[in-house]
């Protein structure tokens, strides 16, 4: 299996997850696949239903994602990973499209 999260970042993520008492982290492969699946959705912007099957059933991955969100695990992880190199997730404003009304265009009367 090809992973999109590099090994250094995964080691930091796993190190953090091992400290979280509210989740089970014994199956490292399953845990990594889940985090990779969440990363896939965030990276591609696809709907949860479009998550490739090899990450698991989309509904189960989404349910676990929401459970972790309710527990605040994602927020804690972001704080823990704040010094990580996240160059691959930076957004360049030249590729972000905005609707004309965001620049003050008034479409009333047309």
Protein backbone atom coordinates (compact mmCIF):
# COMPACT_ATOMS: atom_id res chain seq x y z
CA UNK A 1 0.00 0.00 0.00
CA UNK A 2 1.28 3.44 -0.93
CA UNK A 3 0.80 6.00 1.84
CA UNK A 4 0.38 9.74 1.26
CA UNK A 5 1.42 10.79 4.77
CA UNK A 6 5.21 10.60 4.92
CA UNK A 7 6.88 8.41 7.54
CA UNK A 8 8.19 11.28 9.67
CA UNK A 9 4.74 12.87 9.92
CA UNK A 10 3.14 9.49 10.62
CA UNK A 11 5.59 8.81 13.45
CA UNK A 12 4.62 12.14 15.06
CA UNK A 13 0.91 11.44 14.56
CA UNK A 14 1.23 7.93 16.00
CA UNK A 15 3.30 9.20 18.92
CA UNK A 16 0.51 11.67 19.71
CA UNK A 17 -2.29 9.11 19.28
CA UNK A 18 -0.60 6.74 21.71
CA UNK A 19 -1.02 9.40 24.41
CA UNK A 20 -4.77 9.78 23.83
CA UNK A 21 -6.55 7.63 26.42
CA UNK A 22 -9.99 7.83 24.81
CA UNK A 23 -9.15 5.79 21.70
CA UNK A 24 -7.72 2.36 20.87
CA UNK A 25 -4.40 2.34 19.00
CA UNK A 26 -3.31 -1.28 19.19
CA UNK A 27 -3.83 -2.10 15.50
CA UNK A 28 -1.29 0.24 13.90
CA UNK A 29 -2.17 -0.72 10.31
CA UNK A 30 -5.89 -0.10 10.82
CA UNK A 31 -5.19 3.18 12.59
CA UNK A 32 -2.92 4.39 9.81
CA UNK A 33 -5.44 3.41 7.16
CA UNK A 34 -8.12 5.41 8.98
CA UNK A 35 -5.92 8.53 9.26
CA UNK A 36 -4.88 8.13 5.62
CA UNK A 37 -8.56 7.92 4.65
CA UNK A 38 -9.36 11.14 6.49
CA UNK A 39 -6.32 12.77 4.88
CA UNK A 40 -7.53 11.57 1.47
CA UNK A 41 -10.90 13.30 1.95
CA UNK A 42 -9.22 16.50 3.14
CA UNK A 43 -6.62 16.45 0.37
CA UNK A 44 -8.99 15.74 -2.49
CA UNK A 45 -12.07 17.54 -1.22
CA UNK A 46 -14.23 14.59 -2.21
CA UNK A 47 -17.43 13.61 -0.48
CA UNK A 48 -17.17 10.89 2.15
CA UNK A 49 -19.18 8.61 -0.15
CA UNK A 50 -16.40 8.87 -2.73
CA UNK A 51 -13.74 7.54 -0.33
CA UNK A 52 -11.98 4.59 -1.99
CA UNK A 53 -13.08 1.27 -0.50
CA UNK A 54 -9.55 0.25 0.53
CA UNK A 55 -9.74 2.84 3.35
CA UNK A 56 -12.79 1.05 4.69
CA UNK A 57 -16.49 1.69 4.31
CA UNK A 58 -16.98 5.45 4.02
CA UNK A 59 -19.73 5.51 6.65
CA UNK A 60 -17.54 3.80 9.26
CA UNK A 61 -14.61 6.11 8.52
CA UNK A 62 -16.87 9.17 8.73
CA UNK A 63 -18.46 7.98 11.98
CA UNK A 64 -15.04 7.47 13.55
CA UNK A 65 -13.89 10.85 12.22
CA UNK A 66 -16.90 12.57 13.81
CA UNK A 67 -16.34 10.72 17.10
CA UNK A 68 -12.74 11.95 17.21
CA UNK A 69 -13.96 15.48 16.37
CA UNK A 70 -16.40 15.37 19.28
CA UNK A 71 -13.59 14.26 21.59
CA UNK A 72 -11.38 17.11 20.35
CA UNK A 73 -8.69 14.73 19.11
CA UNK A 74 -8.20 16.50 15.76
CA UNK A 75 -7.73 19.86 17.50
CA UNK A 76 -5.22 18.35 19.92
CA UNK A 77 -3.41 16.64 17.04
CA UNK A 78 -3.11 19.91 15.11
CA UNK A 79 -1.58 21.58 18.17
CA UNK A 80 0.83 18.66 18.56
CA UNK A 81 1.75 18.75 14.86
CA UNK A 82 1.98 22.54 14.57
CA UNK A 83 5.72 22.43 13.95
CA UNK A 84 5.39 19.85 11.17
CA UNK A 85 6.20 20.73 7.57
CA UNK A 86 2.79 21.06 5.94
CA UNK A 87 3.95 22.55 2.67
CA UNK A 88 1.87 20.04 0.72
CA UNK A 89 -1.38 21.39 2.17
CA UNK A 90 -0.72 25.09 1.64
CA UNK A 91 -3.27 26.98 -0.45
CA UNK A 92 -2.06 29.41 -3.06
CA UNK A 93 -4.53 32.25 -3.62
CA UNK A 94 -3.90 32.10 -7.36
CA UNK A 95 -5.77 28.80 -7.57
CA UNK A 96 -8.71 29.69 -5.32
CA UNK A 97 -11.68 30.86 -7.35
CA UNK A 98 -14.09 33.40 -5.91
CA UNK A 99 -17.52 34.34 -7.16
CA UNK A 100 -17.81 37.77 -8.81
CA UNK A 101 -19.99 39.05 -5.96
CA UNK A 102 -17.04 38.62 -3.58
CA UNK A 103 -15.32 41.44 -5.48
CA UNK A 104 -18.37 43.70 -5.23
CA UNK A 105 -20.10 42.79 -8.49
CA UNK A 106 -23.81 43.56 -8.16
CA UNK A 107 -25.97 41.18 -10.15
CA UNK A 108 -29.26 42.89 -9.25
CA UNK A 109 -31.37 43.77 -12.27
CA UNK A 110 -29.83 41.27 -14.68
